[in-house]
């Protein structure tokens, strides 16, 4: 049971991280610390796309799910089911790379425009 809960929390954190990478420039424009953290996250996202790595949160979630025995409890909530469908969207690798480049480009433009 605790592994399932921890896996669900990991998915929520992962989803929040994706939203932060997409919209973080709006917060980063007002706070230098957030800006540095956001730009670092964008660089990290770009690097893992270039090298075709998995996000560490994905590895953590898979490990936690493997520790959980689905036969003992309900497999998960409907909210987590839909969040997982968004976080682990089935798109070709090149399309995810294009979205990553677009998000990085948009955020770079936004930061440069604000300065």
N, C-alpha and C. Protein backbone atom coordinates (compact mmCIF):
# COMPACT_ATOMS: atom_id res chain seq x y z
N UNK A 1 0.82 -1.20 0.00
CA UNK A 1 0.00 0.00 0.00
C UNK A 1 0.86 1.27 0.00
N UNK A 2 1.91 1.37 0.85
CA UNK A 2 2.69 2.61 0.83
C UNK A 2 3.40 2.83 -0.51
N UNK A 3 3.78 1.73 -1.19
CA UNK A 3 4.44 1.90 -2.48
C UNK A 3 3.49 2.48 -3.52
N UNK A 4 2.25 2.05 -3.47
CA UNK A 4 1.26 2.57 -4.42
C UNK A 4 1.03 4.05 -4.17
N UNK A 5 0.91 4.42 -2.91
CA UNK A 5 0.69 5.83 -2.57
C UNK A 5 1.90 6.66 -2.97
N UNK A 6 3.10 6.16 -2.70
CA UNK A 6 4.30 6.88 -3.09
C UNK A 6 4.42 6.99 -4.62
N UNK A 7 4.02 5.94 -5.34
CA UNK A 7 4.03 5.99 -6.81
C UNK A 7 3.03 7.03 -7.31
N UNK A 8 1.84 7.09 -6.70
CA UNK A 8 0.85 8.10 -7.09
C UNK A 8 1.35 9.51 -6.81
N UNK A 9 2.00 9.69 -5.68
CA UNK A 9 2.57 11.00 -5.34
C UNK A 9 3.66 11.37 -6.35
N UNK A 10 4.45 10.39 -6.75
CA UNK A 10 5.50 10.63 -7.74
C UNK A 10 4.90 11.09 -9.06
N UNK A 11 3.79 10.48 -9.48
CA UNK A 11 3.12 10.89 -10.72
C UNK A 11 2.62 12.33 -10.59
N UNK A 12 2.06 12.68 -9.44
CA UNK A 12 1.59 14.06 -9.23
C UNK A 12 2.76 15.05 -9.28
N UNK A 13 3.87 14.69 -8.67
CA UNK A 13 5.06 15.55 -8.72
C UNK A 13 5.57 15.67 -10.14
N UNK A 14 5.58 14.56 -10.86
CA UNK A 14 6.03 14.56 -12.25
C UNK A 14 5.15 15.47 -13.11
N UNK A 15 3.85 15.36 -12.92
CA UNK A 15 2.91 16.22 -13.66
C UNK A 15 3.14 17.69 -13.30
N UNK A 16 3.33 17.97 -12.03
CA UNK A 16 3.60 19.35 -11.60
C UNK A 16 4.90 19.87 -12.21
N UNK A 17 5.90 19.00 -12.28
CA UNK A 17 7.19 19.38 -12.87
C UNK A 17 7.01 19.74 -14.35
N UNK A 18 6.23 18.96 -15.07
CA UNK A 18 5.97 19.24 -16.49
C UNK A 18 5.26 20.59 -16.63
N UNK A 19 4.28 20.84 -15.79
CA UNK A 19 3.59 22.14 -15.83
C UNK A 19 4.55 23.28 -15.51
N UNK A 20 5.44 23.06 -14.55
CA UNK A 20 6.42 24.08 -14.20
C UNK A 20 7.35 24.36 -15.38
N UNK A 21 7.77 23.32 -16.08
CA UNK A 21 8.64 23.53 -17.23
C UNK A 21 7.94 24.31 -18.34
N UNK A 22 6.65 24.08 -18.50
CA UNK A 22 5.90 24.78 -19.54
C UNK A 22 5.60 26.22 -19.15
N UNK A 23 5.15 26.44 -17.92
CA UNK A 23 4.68 27.76 -17.51
C UNK A 23 5.57 28.48 -16.50
N UNK A 24 6.71 27.90 -16.16
CA UNK A 24 7.57 28.46 -15.13
C UNK A 24 8.14 29.83 -15.43
N UNK A 25 8.20 30.19 -16.69
CA UNK A 25 8.74 31.51 -17.05
C UNK A 25 7.89 32.63 -16.47
N UNK A 26 6.62 32.40 -16.32
CA UNK A 26 5.74 33.43 -15.76
C UNK A 26 6.08 33.70 -14.29
N UNK A 27 6.48 32.64 -13.57
CA UNK A 27 6.92 32.81 -12.19
C UNK A 27 8.37 33.29 -12.14
N UNK A 28 9.18 32.79 -13.05
CA UNK A 28 10.59 33.14 -13.08
C UNK A 28 10.84 34.59 -13.45
N UNK A 29 9.91 35.20 -14.15
CA UNK A 29 10.07 36.60 -14.53
C UNK A 29 10.04 37.51 -13.30
N UNK A 30 9.44 37.04 -12.22
CA UNK A 30 9.29 37.86 -11.02
C UNK A 30 10.24 37.46 -9.89
N UNK A 31 10.88 36.29 -10.03
CA UNK A 31 11.73 35.79 -8.95
C UNK A 31 12.99 35.17 -9.54
N UNK A 32 14.14 35.72 -9.20
CA UNK A 32 15.40 35.26 -9.78
C UNK A 32 15.70 33.81 -9.42
N UNK A 33 15.42 33.40 -8.19
CA UNK A 33 15.66 32.01 -7.79
C UNK A 33 14.83 31.03 -8.60
N UNK A 34 13.57 31.36 -8.81
CA UNK A 34 12.69 30.51 -9.62
C UNK A 34 13.19 30.47 -11.05
N UNK A 35 13.65 31.61 -11.54
CA UNK A 35 14.16 31.70 -12.91
C UNK A 35 15.36 30.77 -13.10
N UNK A 36 16.30 30.77 -12.17
CA UNK A 36 17.48 29.91 -12.26
C UNK A 36 17.06 28.44 -12.21
N UNK A 37 16.17 28.11 -11.29
CA UNK A 37 15.67 26.74 -11.17
C UNK A 37 14.94 26.30 -12.44
N UNK A 38 14.14 27.20 -12.99
CA UNK A 38 13.37 26.90 -14.19
C UNK A 38 14.28 26.68 -15.39
N UNK A 39 15.24 27.57 -15.59
CA UNK A 39 16.16 27.42 -16.71
C UNK A 39 16.98 26.14 -16.57
N UNK A 40 17.40 25.83 -15.35
CA UNK A 40 18.13 24.58 -15.10
C UNK A 40 17.27 23.37 -15.46
N UNK A 41 16.00 23.42 -15.10
CA UNK A 41 15.08 22.33 -15.43
C UNK A 41 14.88 22.18 -16.93
N UNK A 42 14.79 23.31 -17.64
CA UNK A 42 14.65 23.26 -19.09
C UNK A 42 15.89 22.66 -19.74
N UNK A 43 17.06 23.04 -19.25
CA UNK A 43 18.30 22.48 -19.79
C UNK A 43 18.34 20.97 -19.54
N UNK A 44 17.96 20.57 -18.32
CA UNK A 44 17.93 19.15 -18.00
C UNK A 44 16.95 18.40 -18.91
N UNK A 45 15.77 18.96 -19.13
CA UNK A 45 14.78 18.32 -20.00
C UNK A 45 15.32 18.20 -21.42
N UNK A 46 16.01 19.22 -21.88
CA UNK A 46 16.59 19.20 -23.22
C UNK A 46 17.67 18.11 -23.33
N UNK A 47 18.52 18.02 -22.32
CA UNK A 47 19.60 17.03 -22.32
C UNK A 47 19.04 15.60 -22.31
N UNK A 48 18.02 15.34 -21.48
CA UNK A 48 17.50 13.97 -21.45
C UNK A 48 16.79 13.62 -22.76
N UNK A 49 16.27 14.62 -23.47
CA UNK A 49 15.69 14.35 -24.79
C UNK A 49 16.77 14.05 -25.82
N UNK A 50 17.85 14.80 -25.78
CA UNK A 50 18.94 14.60 -26.74
C UNK A 50 19.55 13.20 -26.59
N UNK A 51 19.77 12.78 -25.35
CA UNK A 51 20.41 11.49 -25.11
C UNK A 51 19.42 10.34 -24.96
N UNK A 52 18.14 10.62 -25.16
CA UNK A 52 17.08 9.60 -25.09
C UNK A 52 17.07 8.89 -23.74
N UNK A 53 17.26 9.66 -22.68
CA UNK A 53 17.21 9.12 -21.32
C UNK A 53 15.79 9.25 -20.79
N UNK A 54 15.51 8.54 -19.71
CA UNK A 54 14.25 8.70 -19.01
C UNK A 54 14.44 9.66 -17.85
N UNK A 55 13.40 10.38 -17.53
CA UNK A 55 13.42 11.27 -16.38
C UNK A 55 13.59 10.42 -15.12
N UNK A 56 14.38 10.90 -14.15
CA UNK A 56 14.53 10.15 -12.90
C UNK A 56 13.19 9.89 -12.19
N UNK A 57 12.24 10.78 -12.37
CA UNK A 57 10.92 10.56 -11.77
C UNK A 57 10.22 9.36 -12.40
N UNK A 58 10.46 9.13 -13.67
CA UNK A 58 9.90 7.95 -14.33
C UNK A 58 10.50 6.68 -13.73
N UNK A 59 11.82 6.67 -13.56
CA UNK A 59 12.47 5.51 -12.95
C UNK A 59 11.94 5.26 -11.53
N UNK A 60 11.78 6.32 -10.76
CA UNK A 60 11.27 6.19 -9.40
C UNK A 60 9.86 5.61 -9.40
N UNK A 61 9.01 6.13 -10.27
CA UNK A 61 7.63 5.66 -10.31
C UNK A 61 7.55 4.19 -10.73
N UNK A 62 8.35 3.80 -11.73
CA UNK A 62 8.36 2.40 -12.17
C UNK A 62 8.86 1.50 -11.04
N UNK A 63 9.90 1.92 -10.32
CA UNK A 63 10.42 1.12 -9.22
C UNK A 63 9.37 0.97 -8.11
N UNK A 64 8.71 2.08 -7.78
CA UNK A 64 7.68 2.01 -6.73
C UNK A 64 6.53 1.12 -7.16
N UNK A 65 6.12 1.20 -8.42
CA UNK A 65 5.03 0.33 -8.90
C UNK A 65 5.47 -1.13 -8.87
N UNK A 66 6.74 -1.41 -9.17
CA UNK A 66 7.21 -2.80 -9.15
C UNK A 66 7.24 -3.36 -7.73
N UNK A 67 7.42 -2.49 -6.73
CA UNK A 67 7.41 -2.93 -5.33
C UNK A 67 6.00 -3.18 -4.81
N UNK A 68 5.03 -2.58 -5.46
CA UNK A 68 3.63 -2.71 -5.05
C UNK A 68 3.05 -3.97 -5.69
N UNK A 69 2.30 -4.71 -4.95
CA UNK A 69 1.64 -5.91 -5.47
C UNK A 69 0.22 -5.55 -5.86
N UNK A 70 -0.08 -5.41 -7.16
CA UNK A 70 -1.42 -4.98 -7.58
C UNK A 70 -2.53 -5.96 -7.20
N UNK A 71 -2.21 -7.21 -6.91
CA UNK A 71 -3.24 -8.19 -6.54
C UNK A 71 -3.81 -7.93 -5.16
N UNK A 72 -3.08 -7.18 -4.33
CA UNK A 72 -3.54 -6.97 -2.96
C UNK A 72 -4.48 -5.79 -2.80
N UNK A 73 -4.35 -4.77 -3.64
CA UNK A 73 -5.17 -3.57 -3.48
C UNK A 73 -5.67 -3.07 -4.83
N UNK A 74 -6.54 -2.10 -4.76
CA UNK A 74 -7.04 -1.43 -5.94
C UNK A 74 -5.87 -0.80 -6.69
N UNK A 75 -5.88 -0.90 -8.01
CA UNK A 75 -4.72 -0.50 -8.83
C UNK A 75 -4.42 0.98 -8.78
N UNK A 76 -5.38 1.82 -8.48
CA UNK A 76 -5.11 3.25 -8.43
C UNK A 76 -6.36 4.07 -8.63
N UNK A 77 -6.22 5.36 -8.44
CA UNK A 77 -7.37 6.24 -8.58
C UNK A 77 -7.55 6.66 -10.04
N UNK A 78 -8.72 7.12 -10.37
CA UNK A 78 -8.97 7.56 -11.73
C UNK A 78 -8.18 8.82 -12.05
N UNK A 79 -7.91 9.65 -11.05
CA UNK A 79 -7.12 10.87 -11.28
C UNK A 79 -5.71 10.48 -11.70
N UNK A 80 -5.10 9.56 -10.98
CA UNK A 80 -3.75 9.11 -11.32
C UNK A 80 -3.75 8.45 -12.69
N UNK A 81 -4.80 7.70 -13.01
CA UNK A 81 -4.89 7.07 -14.32
C UNK A 81 -4.80 8.11 -15.44
N UNK A 82 -5.55 9.20 -15.31
CA UNK A 82 -5.54 10.23 -16.35
C UNK A 82 -4.27 11.07 -16.33
N UNK A 83 -3.72 11.30 -15.14
CA UNK A 83 -2.44 12.02 -15.07
C UNK A 83 -1.34 11.20 -15.73
N UNK A 84 -1.34 9.89 -15.50
CA UNK A 84 -0.34 9.04 -16.14
C UNK A 84 -0.49 9.08 -17.66
N UNK A 85 -1.72 9.14 -18.14
CA UNK A 85 -1.93 9.23 -19.59
C UNK A 85 -1.35 10.52 -20.16
N UNK A 86 -1.35 11.59 -19.36
CA UNK A 86 -0.77 12.86 -19.81
C UNK A 86 0.74 12.83 -19.67
N UNK A 87 1.23 12.39 -18.52
CA UNK A 87 2.67 12.37 -18.27
C UNK A 87 3.38 11.42 -19.23
N UNK A 88 2.81 10.26 -19.44
CA UNK A 88 3.44 9.26 -20.30
C UNK A 88 2.70 9.14 -21.63
N UNK A 89 2.45 10.26 -22.24
CA UNK A 89 1.70 10.32 -23.50
C UNK A 89 2.42 9.52 -24.58
N UNK A 90 1.66 8.81 -25.36
CA UNK A 90 2.22 7.98 -26.43
C UNK A 90 2.39 8.82 -27.69
N UNK A 91 3.56 9.44 -27.81
CA UNK A 91 3.90 10.22 -28.99
C UNK A 91 5.24 9.74 -29.51
N UNK A 92 5.46 9.90 -30.81
CA UNK A 92 6.79 9.55 -31.33
C UNK A 92 7.87 10.41 -30.67
N UNK A 93 9.06 9.82 -30.56
CA UNK A 93 10.17 10.49 -29.89
C UNK A 93 10.49 11.84 -30.54
N UNK A 94 10.44 11.90 -31.89
CA UNK A 94 10.77 13.15 -32.58
C UNK A 94 9.77 14.26 -32.24
N UNK A 95 8.51 13.90 -32.03
CA UNK A 95 7.50 14.90 -31.70
C UNK A 95 7.71 15.43 -30.28
N UNK A 96 8.05 14.57 -29.35
CA UNK A 96 8.36 15.01 -27.99
C UNK A 96 9.59 15.92 -28.02
N UNK A 97 10.57 15.58 -28.84
CA UNK A 97 11.76 16.43 -28.98
C UNK A 97 11.38 17.81 -29.52
N UNK A 98 10.51 17.85 -30.51
CA UNK A 98 10.06 19.12 -31.08
C UNK A 98 9.33 19.95 -30.03
N UNK A 99 8.47 19.32 -29.23
CA UNK A 99 7.77 20.04 -28.16
C UNK A 99 8.77 20.57 -27.13
N UNK A 100 9.79 19.77 -26.80
CA UNK A 100 10.80 20.21 -25.85
C UNK A 100 11.54 21.43 -26.37
N UNK A 101 11.94 21.39 -27.65
CA UNK A 101 12.62 22.54 -28.26
C UNK A 101 11.71 23.75 -28.27
N UNK A 102 10.44 23.55 -28.59
CA UNK A 102 9.49 24.66 -28.61
C UNK A 102 9.33 25.28 -27.22
N UNK A 103 9.18 24.46 -26.20
CA UNK A 103 9.03 24.96 -24.83
C UNK A 103 10.28 25.72 -24.40
N UNK A 104 11.44 25.16 -24.70
CA UNK A 104 12.70 25.86 -24.36
C UNK A 104 12.79 27.18 -25.11
N UNK A 105 12.45 27.17 -26.39
CA UNK A 105 12.49 28.39 -27.18
C UNK A 105 11.52 29.44 -26.69
N UNK A 106 10.30 29.03 -26.38
CA UNK A 106 9.31 29.98 -25.88
C UNK A 106 9.76 30.61 -24.57
N UNK A 107 10.25 29.78 -23.67
CA UNK A 107 10.69 30.30 -22.38
C UNK A 107 11.91 31.20 -22.52
N UNK A 108 12.83 30.86 -23.42
CA UNK A 108 13.98 31.72 -23.68
C UNK A 108 13.50 33.07 -24.20
N UNK A 109 12.59 33.06 -25.16
CA UNK A 109 12.03 34.29 -25.70
C UNK A 109 11.35 35.11 -24.60
N UNK A 110 10.59 34.44 -23.76
CA UNK A 110 9.87 35.13 -22.69
C UNK A 110 10.84 35.81 -21.74
N UNK A 111 11.89 35.08 -21.33
CA UNK A 111 12.87 35.66 -20.41
C UNK A 111 13.62 36.83 -21.05
N UNK A 112 13.99 36.68 -22.32
CA UNK A 112 14.72 37.77 -22.99
C UNK A 112 13.83 38.99 -23.19
N UNK A 113 12.56 38.77 -23.43
CA UNK A 113 11.61 39.86 -23.60
C UNK A 113 11.42 40.64 -22.30
N UNK A 114 11.44 39.92 -21.16
CA UNK A 114 11.22 40.56 -19.87
C UNK A 114 12.44 41.37 -19.40
N UNK A 115 13.63 41.07 -19.93
CA UNK A 115 14.84 41.80 -19.49
C UNK A 115 15.06 43.04 -20.27
